[in-house]
Amino acid sequence: MLAGPYEFLPIDQVAKASADTAKALALAFARLPYDLVYALPAESRWLEDNGATLPPSFTVAGEQPVAQVRQAGAARVGLLLFPVLAPDREKASPDMVRTVADAALALRQQSDIVVGISPWGASAEQDFLESAGHTVDVLLGSGPGPGFPAKPMAGDAVLWLRPYPQGKTMVELAIRALPRRSPDWKWVRDQNASILLQSLTESITSNPDMEALLDGFHLEQPGR
């Protein structure tokens, strides 16, 4: 299970919640079975400034891509963490696009599937996919822009997913068959991949242990 940037701060990266909220979120994420949580530097600073301990699953975004290989059953999953963009840039420079693309292609040699996690926003992510082509197999986007469950890109060889606003929907991507490294390979929904959208509404049964943890804090609604 993966979580990308903007889990803790809104898109403008300006903290509007209390120190208790920071501590509660860190403890809650530490109890959840995340394999990796990719946090922005501003999110990491906000948590640490408010006395929250970053869980072991956290990796903080930097100026260079970070590649990891995780074992999931018999499959080797390559995770490529996209670097943060400079504050004055809305899109990645050609040099950064090449650096990320090269890192993805190198990771393909060590893994069965490559999943990119990006903090860039929809416009920059689309530019990357259109210019770099099939480098990652799946791109989990985040940041400014619309949300959608799975959009085929690069000749249907890449699935691009973006979260919906407000964090009220969870997307489950089920890989039924791993990508083949052949030019004509493509994703076909409900054949080699399927998507499940789970809306996080009041109908979801709450977890008593999590409720007990959160009841110990004075919480504010994020973004208020």
Foldseek 3Di string as FASTA:
>chain_A
DEAEEPPQAHLVLDFDKALLQLQLVQVVVLPDPHQAYEYEPSNVCSSVVSPHDHHPRYDYAAQAWDWDWDDDPPWIEIEIEQHDDPPVDLADDPVSLVRSLVVLQVVVVVGQFYEYEEAREDVRVVVSCVVSAPRHQEYEYEHHDAFDQWDQTRLQSYTYGYDHPPPQKDKDKDAQDTFDPDPNTHDDEPPGIHIDIDGNDPVDDDDPVSVVSSVVGDTDRHPD
